[in-house]
Amino acid sequence: MGGTRRLPPVADEDWVSQHAAAKRLGIPVFAVGWGVANEHLEPVRNSRGDEGVTVGSLERELAWRAGASRAARLRRFARDLLDYF
C-alpha cells in the first residue's frame, strides 16, 4: 500500500495490519492490496504510522465473503479486473 498517497490516521482500535487482515480473510498479503485497490478495504495508518486497513472495512469484507454466491464472487472479480485495467 505504500507510495505517495497520504493515508488518514485512525485510532489503534479501528486499525488492523495488512498481515492480520490477510490472515483473517485467508488470503495472501498482496491480495489485501488488491482489496484496497478495488476499494473493498479502506487503507489507513495507526498512531505509529503503520499502514493497514480499517476494522470496519475488514468486517464488511468478511461479511460479504460469508454471504456471497459463487456467481457474485465471479461478477465482482470480473468487475475488479476490468476496473484495474
PDB file of N, CA and C in Angstrom:
ATOM      1  N   MET A   1       0.812  -1.202   0.000  1.00  0.00           N
ATOM      2  CA  MET A   1       0.000   0.000   0.000  1.00  0.00           C
ATOM      3  C   MET A   1       0.847   1.253   0.000  1.00  0.00           C
ATOM      4  N   GLY A   2       2.100   1.187   0.086  1.00  0.00           N
ATOM      5  CA  GLY A   2       2.973   2.344   0.176  1.00  0.00           C
ATOM      6  C   GLY A   2       2.730   3.367  -0.907  1.00  0.00           C
ATOM      7  N   GLY A   3       3.740   4.016  -1.349  1.00  0.00           N
ATOM      8  CA  GLY A   3       3.595   5.003  -2.394  1.00  0.00           C
ATOM      9  C   GLY A   3       3.510   6.405  -1.830  1.00  0.00           C
ATOM     10  N   THR A   4       3.011   7.315  -2.640  1.00  0.00           N
ATOM     11  CA  THR A   4       2.987   8.722  -2.258  1.00  0.00           C
ATOM     12  C   THR A   4       1.646   9.141  -1.680  1.00  0.00           C
ATOM     13  N   ARG A   5       0.681   8.289  -1.701  1.00  0.00           N
ATOM     14  CA  ARG A   5      -0.653   8.629  -1.204  1.00  0.00           C
ATOM     15  C   ARG A   5      -0.614   8.802   0.317  1.00  0.00           C
ATOM     16  N   ARG A   6      -1.273   9.843   0.786  1.00  0.00           N
ATOM     17  CA  ARG A   6      -1.353  10.073   2.234  1.00  0.00           C
ATOM     18  C   ARG A   6      -2.560   9.331   2.775  1.00  0.00           C
ATOM     19  N   LEU A   7      -2.308   8.470   3.735  1.00  0.00           N
ATOM     20  CA  LEU A   7      -3.391   7.698   4.332  1.00  0.00           C
ATOM     21  C   LEU A   7      -3.872   8.384   5.598  1.00  0.00           C
ATOM     22  N   PRO A   8      -5.184   8.386   5.811  1.00  0.00           N
ATOM     23  CA  PRO A   8      -5.702   9.036   7.013  1.00  0.00           C
ATOM     24  C   PRO A   8      -5.341   8.231   8.262  1.00  0.00           C
ATOM     25  N   PRO A   9      -5.069   8.921   9.362  1.00  0.00           N
ATOM     26  CA  PRO A   9      -4.811   8.216  10.615  1.00  0.00           C
ATOM     27  C   PRO A   9      -6.128   7.818  11.283  1.00  0.00           C
ATOM     28  N   VAL A  10      -6.100   6.704  11.984  1.00  0.00           N
ATOM     29  CA  VAL A  10      -7.257   6.266  12.775  1.00  0.00           C
ATOM     30  C   VAL A  10      -6.761   5.811  14.139  1.00  0.00           C
ATOM     31  N   ALA A  11      -7.677   5.700  15.075  1.00  0.00           N
ATOM     32  CA  ALA A  11      -7.343   5.175  16.396  1.00  0.00           C
ATOM     33  C   ALA A  11      -6.876   3.726  16.256  1.00  0.00           C
ATOM     34  N   ASP A  12      -5.972   3.335  17.116  1.00  0.00           N
ATOM     35  CA  ASP A  12      -5.405   1.988  17.035  1.00  0.00           C
ATOM     36  C   ASP A  12      -6.473   0.896  17.079  1.00  0.00           C
ATOM     37  N   GLU A  13      -7.545   1.116  17.820  1.00  0.00           N
ATOM     38  CA  GLU A  13      -8.593   0.087  17.916  1.00  0.00           C
ATOM     39  C   GLU A  13      -9.423  -0.024  16.633  1.00  0.00           C
ATOM     40  N   ASP A  14      -9.294   0.954  15.737  1.00  0.00           N
ATOM     41  CA  ASP A  14     -10.014   0.930  14.458  1.00  0.00           C
ATOM     42  C   ASP A  14      -9.127   0.469  13.309  1.00  0.00           C
ATOM     43  N   TRP A  15      -7.903   0.026  13.611  1.00  0.00           N
ATOM     44  CA  TRP A  15      -6.883  -0.312  12.629  1.00  0.00           C
ATOM     45  C   TRP A  15      -6.513  -1.788  12.760  1.00  0.00           C
ATOM     46  N   VAL A  16      -6.225  -2.427  11.625  1.00  0.00           N
ATOM     47  CA  VAL A  16      -5.689  -3.790  11.625  1.00  0.00           C
ATOM     48  C   VAL A  16      -4.594  -3.839  10.563  1.00  0.00           C
ATOM     49  N   SER A  17      -3.508  -4.549  10.865  1.00  0.00           N
ATOM     50  CA  SER A  17      -2.388  -4.610   9.922  1.00  0.00           C
ATOM     51  C   SER A  17      -2.782  -5.373   8.664  1.00  0.00           C
ATOM     52  N   GLN A  18      -2.031  -5.153   7.614  1.00  0.00           N
ATOM     53  CA  GLN A  18      -2.267  -5.880   6.371  1.00  0.00           C
ATOM     54  C   GLN A  18      -2.101  -7.382   6.584  1.00  0.00           C
ATOM     55  N   HIS A  19      -1.106  -7.758   7.372  1.00  0.00           N
ATOM     56  CA  HIS A  19      -0.858  -9.186   7.624  1.00  0.00           C
ATOM     57  C   HIS A  19      -2.004  -9.812   8.418  1.00  0.00           C
ATOM     58  N   ALA A  20      -2.495  -9.091   9.428  1.00  0.00           N
ATOM     59  CA  ALA A  20      -3.615  -9.609  10.217  1.00  0.00           C
ATOM     60  C   ALA A  20      -4.886  -9.689   9.374  1.00  0.00           C
ATOM     61  N   ALA A  21      -5.105  -8.691   8.518  1.00  0.00           N
ATOM     62  CA  ALA A  21      -6.271  -8.708   7.629  1.00  0.00           C
ATOM     63  C   ALA A  21      -6.185  -9.904   6.683  1.00  0.00           C
ATOM     64  N   ALA A  22      -5.000 -10.143   6.131  1.00  0.00           N
ATOM     65  CA  ALA A  22      -4.809 -11.275   5.218  1.00  0.00           C
ATOM     66  C   ALA A  22      -5.101 -12.588   5.939  1.00  0.00           C
ATOM     67  N   LYS A  23      -4.628 -12.709   7.153  1.00  0.00           N
ATOM     68  CA  LYS A  23      -4.852 -13.942   7.921  1.00  0.00           C
ATOM     69  C   LYS A  23      -6.340 -14.153   8.195  1.00  0.00           C
ATOM     70  N   ARG A  24      -7.040 -13.097   8.609  1.00  0.00           N
ATOM     71  CA  ARG A  24      -8.480 -13.209   8.888  1.00  0.00           C
ATOM     72  C   ARG A  24      -9.278 -13.544   7.637  1.00  0.00           C
ATOM     73  N   LEU A  25      -8.839 -13.008   6.490  1.00  0.00           N
ATOM     74  CA  LEU A  25      -9.540 -13.267   5.237  1.00  0.00           C
ATOM     75  C   LEU A  25      -9.110 -14.576   4.583  1.00  0.00           C
ATOM     76  N   GLY A  26      -7.988 -15.140   5.043  1.00  0.00           N
ATOM     77  CA  GLY A  26      -7.487 -16.382   4.457  1.00  0.00           C
ATOM     78  C   GLY A  26      -6.909 -16.177   3.068  1.00  0.00           C
ATOM     79  N   ILE A  27      -6.247 -15.026   2.873  1.00  0.00           N
ATOM     80  CA  ILE A  27      -5.682 -14.675   1.571  1.00  0.00           C
ATOM     81  C   ILE A  27      -4.225 -14.251   1.760  1.00  0.00           C
ATOM     82  N   PRO A  28      -3.435 -14.230   0.679  1.00  0.00           N
ATOM     83  CA  PRO A  28      -2.070 -13.708   0.783  1.00  0.00           C
ATOM     84  C   PRO A  28      -2.081 -12.194   1.027  1.00  0.00           C
ATOM     85  N   VAL A  29      -1.007 -11.687   1.593  1.00  0.00           N
ATOM     86  CA  VAL A  29      -0.925 -10.259   1.904  1.00  0.00           C
ATOM     87  C   VAL A  29      -1.101  -9.402   0.655  1.00  0.00           C
ATOM     88  N   PHE A  30      -0.537  -9.820  -0.484  1.00  0.00           N
ATOM     89  CA  PHE A  30      -0.682  -8.994  -1.693  1.00  0.00           C
ATOM     90  C   PHE A  30      -2.152  -8.833  -2.069  1.00  0.00           C
ATOM     91  N   ALA A  31      -2.991  -9.796  -1.726  1.00  0.00           N
ATOM     92  CA  ALA A  31      -4.415  -9.713  -2.050  1.00  0.00           C
ATOM     93  C   ALA A  31      -5.124  -8.643  -1.211  1.00  0.00           C
ATOM     94  N   VAL A  32      -4.561  -8.304  -0.048  1.00  0.00           N
ATOM     95  CA  VAL A  32      -5.103  -7.184   0.727  1.00  0.00           C
ATOM     96  C   VAL A  32      -4.914  -5.906  -0.087  1.00  0.00           C
ATOM     97  N   GLY A  33      -3.753  -5.768  -0.722  1.00  0.00           N
ATOM     98  CA  GLY A  33      -3.515  -4.620  -1.599  1.00  0.00           C
ATOM     99  C   GLY A  33      -4.495  -4.565  -2.752  1.00  0.00           C
ATOM    100  N   TRP A  34      -4.837  -5.724  -3.291  1.00  0.00           N
ATOM    101  CA  TRP A  34      -5.845  -5.810  -4.356  1.00  0.00           C
ATOM    102  C   TRP A  34      -7.197  -5.331  -3.820  1.00  0.00           C
ATOM    103  N   GLY A  35      -7.533  -5.735  -2.594  1.00  0.00           N
ATOM    104  CA  GLY A  35      -8.782  -5.286  -1.978  1.00  0.00           C
ATOM    105  C   GLY A  35      -8.814  -3.788  -1.758  1.00  0.00           C
ATOM    106  N   VAL A  36      -7.661  -3.227  -1.405  1.00  0.00           N
ATOM    107  CA  VAL A  36      -7.558  -1.773  -1.247  1.00  0.00           C
ATOM    108  C   VAL A  36      -7.694  -1.090  -2.603  1.00  0.00           C
ATOM    109  N   ALA A  37      -6.985  -1.609  -3.599  1.00  0.00           N
ATOM    110  CA  ALA A  37      -7.024  -1.005  -4.942  1.00  0.00           C
ATOM    111  C   ALA A  37      -8.427  -0.991  -5.516  1.00  0.00           C
ATOM    112  N   ASN A  38      -9.223  -1.994  -5.166  1.00  0.00           N
ATOM    113  CA  ASN A  38     -10.587  -2.086  -5.682  1.00  0.00           C
ATOM    114  C   ASN A  38     -11.626  -1.560  -4.692  1.00  0.00           C
ATOM    115  N   GLU A  39     -11.138  -0.886  -3.657  1.00  0.00           N
ATOM    116  CA  GLU A  39     -11.978  -0.183  -2.680  1.00  0.00           C
ATOM    117  C   GLU A  39     -12.888  -1.097  -1.865  1.00  0.00           C
ATOM    118  N   HIS A  40     -12.466  -2.332  -1.674  1.00  0.00           N
ATOM    119  CA  HIS A  40     -13.201  -3.237  -0.783  1.00  0.00           C
ATOM    120  C   HIS A  40     -12.674  -3.113   0.646  1.00  0.00           C
ATOM    121  N   LEU A  41     -11.425  -2.702   0.777  1.00  0.00           N
ATOM    122  CA  LEU A  41     -10.800  -2.461   2.074  1.00  0.00           C
ATOM    123  C   LEU A  41     -10.309  -1.019   2.105  1.00  0.00           C
ATOM    124  N   GLU A  42     -10.465  -0.370   3.247  1.00  0.00           N
ATOM    125  CA  GLU A  42     -10.109   1.047   3.380  1.00  0.00           C
ATOM    126  C   GLU A  42      -8.716   1.200   3.999  1.00  0.00           C
ATOM    127  N   PRO A  43      -7.771   1.771   3.268  1.00  0.00           N
ATOM    128  CA  PRO A  43      -6.415   1.921   3.794  1.00  0.00           C
ATOM    129  C   PRO A  43      -6.305   3.085   4.779  1.00  0.00           C
ATOM    130  N   VAL A  44      -5.565   2.851   5.865  1.00  0.00           N
ATOM    131  CA  VAL A  44      -5.355   3.873   6.895  1.00  0.00           C
ATOM    132  C   VAL A  44      -3.998   3.651   7.552  1.00  0.00           C
ATOM    133  N   ARG A  45      -3.637   4.580   8.432  1.00  0.00           N
ATOM    134  CA  ARG A  45      -2.445   4.456   9.275  1.00  0.00           C
ATOM    135  C   ARG A  45      -2.875   4.484  10.737  1.00  0.00           C
ATOM    136  N   ASN A  46      -2.124   3.764  11.573  1.00  0.00           N
ATOM    137  CA  ASN A  46      -2.398   3.817  13.008  1.00  0.00           C
ATOM    138  C   ASN A  46      -1.601   4.958  13.632  1.00  0.00           C
ATOM    139  N   SER A  47      -1.603   5.050  14.965  1.00  0.00           N
ATOM    140  CA  SER A  47      -0.933   6.158  15.653  1.00  0.00           C
ATOM    141  C   SER A  47       0.577   6.121  15.477  1.00  0.00           C
ATOM    142  N   ARG A  48       1.142   4.964  15.150  1.00  0.00           N
ATOM    143  CA  ARG A  48       2.586   4.842  14.916  1.00  0.00           C
ATOM    144  C   ARG A  48       2.958   5.086  13.452  1.00  0.00           C
ATOM    145  N   GLY A  49       1.955   5.265  12.596  1.00  0.00           N
ATOM    146  CA  GLY A  49       2.212   5.487  11.177  1.00  0.00           C
ATOM    147  C   GLY A  49       2.264   4.208  10.360  1.00  0.00           C
ATOM    148  N   ASP A  50       1.942   3.072  10.976  1.00  0.00           N
ATOM    149  CA  ASP A  50       1.934   1.797  10.252  1.00  0.00           C
ATOM    150  C   ASP A  50       0.713   1.721   9.346  1.00  0.00           C
ATOM    151  N   GLU A  51       0.916   1.195   8.136  1.00  0.00           N
ATOM    152  CA  GLU A  51      -0.186   1.053   7.185  1.00  0.00           C
ATOM    153  C   GLU A  51      -0.999  -0.191   7.497  1.00  0.00           C
ATOM    154  N   GLY A  52      -2.294  -0.085   7.260  1.00  0.00           N
ATOM    155  CA  GLY A  52      -3.207  -1.206   7.456  1.00  0.00           C
ATOM    156  C   GLY A  52      -4.553  -0.856   6.854  1.00  0.00           C
ATOM    157  N   VAL A  53      -5.584  -1.499   7.352  1.00  0.00           N
ATOM    158  CA  VAL A  53      -6.948  -1.221   6.889  1.00  0.00           C
ATOM    159  C   VAL A  53      -7.846  -1.037   8.105  1.00  0.00           C
ATOM    160  N   THR A  54      -9.009  -0.437   7.873  1.00  0.00           N
ATOM    161  CA  THR A  54      -9.925  -0.237   8.991  1.00  0.00           C
ATOM    162  C   THR A  54     -10.563  -1.560   9.398  1.00  0.00           C
ATOM    163  N   VAL A  55     -10.842  -1.674  10.679  1.00  0.00           N
ATOM    164  CA  VAL A  55     -11.540  -2.846  11.188  1.00  0.00           C
ATOM    165  C   VAL A  55     -12.910  -2.939  10.528  1.00  0.00           C
ATOM    166  N   GLY A  56     -13.572  -1.801  10.354  1.00  0.00           N
ATOM    167  CA  GLY A  56     -14.902  -1.796   9.739  1.00  0.00           C
ATOM    168  C   GLY A  56     -14.897  -2.349   8.329  1.00  0.00           C
ATOM    169  N   SER A  57     -13.905  -1.939   7.525  1.00  0.00           N
ATOM    170  CA  SER A  57     -13.859  -2.439   6.145  1.00  0.00           C
ATOM    171  C   SER A  57     -13.515  -3.929   6.127  1.00  0.00           C
ATOM    172  N   LEU A  58     -12.687  -4.373   7.064  1.00  0.00           N
ATOM    173  CA  LEU A  58     -12.375  -5.801   7.157  1.00  0.00           C
ATOM    174  C   LEU A  58     -13.622  -6.595   7.529  1.00  0.00           C
ATOM    175  N   GLU A  59     -14.389  -6.101   8.493  1.00  0.00           N
ATOM    176  CA  GLU A  59     -15.618  -6.787   8.901  1.00  0.00           C
ATOM    177  C   GLU A  59     -16.636  -6.830   7.763  1.00  0.00           C
ATOM    178  N   ARG A  60     -16.768  -5.733   7.009  1.00  0.00           N
ATOM    179  CA  ARG A  60     -17.686  -5.725   5.861  1.00  0.00           C
ATOM    180  C   ARG A  60     -17.252  -6.734   4.803  1.00  0.00           C
ATOM    181  N   GLU A  61     -15.935  -6.826   4.565  1.00  0.00           N
ATOM    182  CA  GLU A  61     -15.424  -7.776   3.575  1.00  0.00           C
ATOM    183  C   GLU A  61     -15.661  -9.214   4.036  1.00  0.00           C
ATOM    184  N   LEU A  62     -15.436  -9.478   5.315  1.00  0.00           N
ATOM    185  CA  LEU A  62     -15.700 -10.819   5.848  1.00  0.00           C
ATOM    186  C   LEU A  62     -17.177 -11.178   5.704  1.00  0.00           C
ATOM    187  N   ALA A  63     -18.061 -10.233   6.000  1.00  0.00           N
ATOM    188  CA  ALA A  63     -19.498 -10.478   5.880  1.00  0.00           C
ATOM    189  C   ALA A  63     -19.882 -10.719   4.424  1.00  0.00           C
ATOM    190  N   TRP A  64     -19.329  -9.921   3.494  1.00  0.00           N
ATOM    191  CA  TRP A  64     -19.644 -10.108   2.080  1.00  0.00           C
ATOM    192  C   TRP A  64     -19.204 -11.488   1.629  1.00  0.00           C
ATOM    193  N   ARG A  65     -17.988 -11.871   1.988  1.00  0.00           N
ATOM    194  CA  ARG A  65     -17.470 -13.180   1.575  1.00  0.00           C
ATOM    195  C   ARG A  65     -18.288 -14.324   2.156  1.00  0.00           C
ATOM    196  N   ALA A  66     -18.795 -14.149   3.371  1.00  0.00           N
ATOM    197  CA  ALA A  66     -19.578 -15.209   4.014  1.00  0.00           C
ATOM    198  C   ALA A  66     -20.908 -15.425   3.302  1.00  0.00           C
ATOM    199  N   GLY A  67     -21.473 -14.359   2.719  1.00  0.00           N
ATOM    200  CA  GLY A  67     -22.787 -14.480   2.106  1.00  0.00           C
ATOM    201  C   GLY A  67     -22.806 -14.470   0.589  1.00  0.00           C
ATOM    202  N   ALA A  68     -21.649 -14.262  -0.031  1.00  0.00           N
ATOM    203  CA  ALA A  68     -21.612 -14.122  -1.483  1.00  0.00           C
ATOM    204  C   ALA A  68     -21.698 -15.469  -2.189  1.00  0.00           C
ATOM    205  N   SER A  69     -22.546 -15.523  -3.195  1.00  0.00           N
ATOM    206  CA  SER A  69     -22.652 -16.730  -4.006  1.00  0.00           C
ATOM    207  C   SER A  69     -21.441 -16.826  -4.928  1.00  0.00           C
ATOM    208  N   ARG A  70     -21.287 -17.969  -5.525  1.00  0.00           N
ATOM    209  CA  ARG A  70     -20.193 -18.151  -6.489  1.00  0.00           C
ATOM    210  C   ARG A  70     -20.345 -17.161  -7.657  1.00  0.00           C
ATOM    211  N   ALA A  71     -21.576 -16.952  -8.112  1.00  0.00           N
ATOM    212  CA  ALA A  71     -21.826 -16.014  -9.212  1.00  0.00           C
ATOM    213  C   ALA A  71     -21.469 -14.586  -8.798  1.00  0.00           C
ATOM    214  N   ALA A  72     -21.809 -14.197  -7.561  1.00  0.00           N
ATOM    215  CA  ALA A  72     -21.484 -12.853  -7.076  1.00  0.00           C
ATOM    216  C   ALA A  72     -19.978 -12.664  -6.995  1.00  0.00           C
ATOM    217  N   ARG A  73     -19.283 -13.689  -6.548  1.00  0.00           N
ATOM    218  CA  ARG A  73     -17.822 -13.615  -6.466  1.00  0.00           C
ATOM    219  C   ARG A  73     -17.205 -13.457  -7.863  1.00  0.00           C
ATOM    220  N   LEU A  74     -17.731 -14.197  -8.818  1.00  0.00           N
ATOM    221  CA  LEU A  74     -17.223 -14.128 -10.185  1.00  0.00           C
ATOM    222  C   LEU A  74     -17.496 -12.755 -10.803  1.00  0.00           C
ATOM    223  N   ARG A  75     -18.709 -12.215 -10.597  1.00  0.00           N
ATOM    224  CA  ARG A  75     -19.038 -10.877 -11.103  1.00  0.00           C
ATOM    225  C   ARG A  75     -18.110  -9.823 -10.499  1.00  0.00           C
ATOM    226  N   ARG A  76     -17.903  -9.928  -9.205  1.00  0.00           N
ATOM    227  CA  ARG A  76     -17.028  -8.964  -8.535  1.00  0.00           C
ATOM    228  C   ARG A  76     -15.603  -9.058  -9.066  1.00  0.00           C
ATOM    229  N   PHE A  77     -15.105 -10.265  -9.227  1.00  0.00           N
ATOM    230  CA  PHE A  77     -13.754 -10.453  -9.749  1.00  0.00           C
ATOM    231  C   PHE A  77     -13.623  -9.844 -11.145  1.00  0.00           C
ATOM    232  N   ALA A  78     -14.601 -10.120 -12.004  1.00  0.00           N
ATOM    233  CA  ALA A  78     -14.564  -9.586 -13.374  1.00  0.00           C
ATOM    234  C   ALA A  78     -14.622  -8.061 -13.359  1.00  0.00           C
ATOM    235  N   ARG A  79     -15.496  -7.500 -12.549  1.00  0.00           N
ATOM    236  CA  ARG A  79     -15.616  -6.041 -12.457  1.00  0.00           C
ATOM    237  C   ARG A  79     -14.315  -5.431 -11.921  1.00  0.00           C
ATOM    238  N   ASP A  80     -13.749  -6.044 -10.894  1.00  0.00           N
ATOM    239  CA  ASP A  80     -12.492  -5.541 -10.326  1.00  0.00           C
ATOM    240  C   ASP A  80     -11.365  -5.616 -11.347  1.00  0.00           C
ATOM    241  N   LEU A  81     -11.322  -6.684 -12.090  1.00  0.00           N
ATOM    242  CA  LEU A  81     -10.275  -6.845 -13.098  1.00  0.00           C
ATOM    243  C   LEU A  81     -10.412  -5.786 -14.190  1.00  0.00           C
ATOM    244  N   LEU A  82     -11.623  -5.571 -14.638  1.00  0.00           N
ATOM    245  CA  LEU A  82     -11.856  -4.540 -15.659  1.00  0.00           C
ATOM    246  C   LEU A  82     -11.525  -3.143 -15.126  1.00  0.00           C
ATOM    247  N   ASP A  83     -11.904  -2.864 -13.897  1.00  0.00           N
ATOM    248  CA  ASP A  83     -11.624  -1.567 -13.305  1.00  0.00           C
ATOM    249  C   ASP A  83     -10.135  -1.349 -13.117  1.00  0.00           C
ATOM    250  N   TYR A  84      -9.406  -2.421 -12.851  1.00  0.00           N
ATOM    251  CA  TYR A  84      -7.968  -2.320 -12.626  1.00  0.00           C
ATOM    252  C   TYR A  84      -7.236  -1.904 -13.895  1.00  0.00           C
ATOM    253  N   PHE A  85      -7.676  -2.436 -15.010  1.00  0.00           N
ATOM    254  CA  PHE A  85      -7.026  -2.138 -16.293  1.00  0.00           C
ATOM    255  C   PHE A  85      -7.789  -1.032 -16.970  1.00  0.00           C
TER     256      PHE A  85
END
